[in-house]
C-alpha atoms as a PDB file:
ATOM      1  CA  MET A   1       0.000   0.000   0.000  1.00  0.00           C
ATOM      2  CA  SER A   2       1.563   3.293  -1.045  1.00  0.00           C
ATOM      3  CA  THR A   3       1.371   6.418   0.991  1.00  0.00           C
ATOM      4  CA  LYS A   4       1.112  10.000  -0.165  1.00  0.00           C
ATOM      5  CA  LYS A   5       4.762  10.444   0.768  1.00  0.00           C
ATOM      6  CA  ASP A   6       5.765   7.498  -1.456  1.00  0.00           C
ATOM      7  CA  GLU A   7       3.636   8.820  -4.302  1.00  0.00           C
ATOM      8  CA  SER A   8       5.169  12.273  -3.946  1.00  0.00           C
ATOM      9  CA  LYS A   9       8.675  10.815  -3.999  1.00  0.00           C
ATOM     10  CA  ASP A  10       7.844   8.745  -7.089  1.00  0.00           C
ATOM     11  CA  SER A  11       6.431  11.827  -8.785  1.00  0.00           C
ATOM     12  CA  GLU A  12       9.568  13.837  -7.979  1.00  0.00           C
ATOM     13  CA  ARG A  13      11.786  11.053  -9.323  1.00  0.00           C
ATOM     14  CA  GLU A  14       9.741  10.801 -12.517  1.00  0.00           C
ATOM     15  CA  SER A  15       9.906  14.576 -12.952  1.00  0.00           C
ATOM     16  CA  GLU A  16      13.682  14.538 -12.497  1.00  0.00           C
ATOM     17  CA  LEU A  17      13.999  11.660 -14.975  1.00  0.00           C
ATOM     18  CA  LYS A  18      12.061  13.578 -17.617  1.00  0.00           C
ATOM     19  CA  LYS A  19      14.081  16.740 -17.020  1.00  0.00           C
ATOM     20  CA  LEU A  20      17.411  14.907 -17.250  1.00  0.00           C
ATOM     21  CA  ILE A  21      16.425  12.990 -20.370  1.00  0.00           C
ATOM     22  CA  LYS A  22      15.299  16.194 -22.066  1.00  0.00           C
ATOM     23  CA  GLU A  23      18.567  17.919 -21.150  1.00  0.00           C
ATOM     24  CA  LYS A  24      20.629  14.969 -22.385  1.00  0.00           C
ATOM     25  CA  ILE A  25      18.810  14.951 -25.711  1.00  0.00           C
ATOM     26  CA  GLU A  26      19.310  18.698 -26.156  1.00  0.00           C
ATOM     27  CA  LEU A  27      23.028  18.470 -25.356  1.00  0.00           C
ATOM     28  CA  SER A  28      23.485  15.441 -27.588  1.00  0.00           C
ATOM     29  CA  ARG A  29      21.847  17.190 -30.521  1.00  0.00           C
ATOM     30  CA  LYS A  30      23.954  20.300 -29.914  1.00  0.00           C
ATOM     31  CA  LEU A  31      27.098  18.159 -30.077  1.00  0.00           C
ATOM     32  CA  GLY A  32      25.856  16.301 -33.159  1.00  0.00           C
ATOM     33  CA  ILE A  33      25.912  12.889 -31.508  1.00  0.00           C
ATOM     34  CA  MET A  34      22.171  12.212 -31.624  1.00  0.00           C
ATOM     35  CA  GLY A  35      19.983  11.931 -34.653  1.00  0.00           C
ATOM     36  CA  THR A  36      22.146  12.473 -37.695  1.00  0.00           C
ATOM     37  CA  TYR A  37      25.569  11.575 -36.378  1.00  0.00           C
ATOM     38  CA  GLN A  38      27.745  14.542 -37.268  1.00  0.00           C
ATOM     39  CA  PRO A  39      29.733  15.227 -34.112  1.00  0.00           C
ATOM     40  CA  VAL A  40      31.387  18.561 -33.564  1.00  0.00           C
ATOM     41  CA  GLU A  41      35.146  18.447 -33.503  1.00  0.00           C
ATOM     42  CA  ASN A  42      36.579  17.290 -30.164  1.00  0.00           C
ATOM     43  CA  PHE A  43      33.076  16.917 -28.686  1.00  0.00           C
ATOM     44  CA  LYS A  44      34.410  14.666 -25.921  1.00  0.00           C
ATOM     45  CA  GLU A  45      36.402  17.607 -24.577  1.00  0.00           C
ATOM     46  CA  THR A  46      33.373  19.909 -24.148  1.00  0.00           C
ATOM     47  CA  ASP A  47      31.523  20.869 -20.991  1.00  0.00           C
ATOM     48  CA  GLU A  48      28.338  19.636 -22.667  1.00  0.00           C
ATOM     49  CA  TYR A  49      29.780  16.137 -23.052  1.00  0.00           C
ATOM     50  CA  LYS A  50      30.924  16.154 -19.422  1.00  0.00           C
ATOM     51  CA  ARG A  51      27.402  17.144 -18.420  1.00  0.00           C
ATOM     52  CA  ILE A  52      25.977  14.264 -20.485  1.00  0.00           C
ATOM     53  CA  ASN A  53      28.174  11.886 -18.485  1.00  0.00           C
ATOM     54  CA  GLU A  54      26.961  13.436 -15.210  1.00  0.00           C
ATOM     55  CA  ILE A  55      23.371  13.006 -16.376  1.00  0.00           C
ATOM     56  CA  ASP A  56      24.039   9.339 -17.212  1.00  0.00           C
ATOM     57  CA  ILE A  57      25.299   8.736 -13.683  1.00  0.00           C
ATOM     58  CA  ARG A  58      22.266  10.414 -12.132  1.00  0.00           C
ATOM     59  CA  LEU A  59      19.857   8.572 -14.420  1.00  0.00           C
ATOM     60  CA  TRP A  60      21.428   5.281 -13.391  1.00  0.00           C
ATOM     61  CA  ASP A  61      20.970   6.237  -9.720  1.00  0.00           C
ATOM     62  CA  LEU A  62      17.318   7.007 -10.312  1.00  0.00           C
ATOM     63  CA  VAL A  63      16.447   3.786 -12.125  1.00  0.00           C
ATOM     64  CA  LYS A  64      18.440   1.178 -10.234  1.00  0.00           C
END
């Protein structure tokens, strides 16, 4: 039986998941590594790519 607290926590987690996924998609498109694969030069050196890796870590924490 779920409580309102559990439901609120689940809702917050789902909201964070959606936000992170949206951000990852936007960054990936900006770097040219999603959709039509045309990566910008040295994309792995950018702050955007580092942020994508941070997002991946957080997403893993949320779904495990």
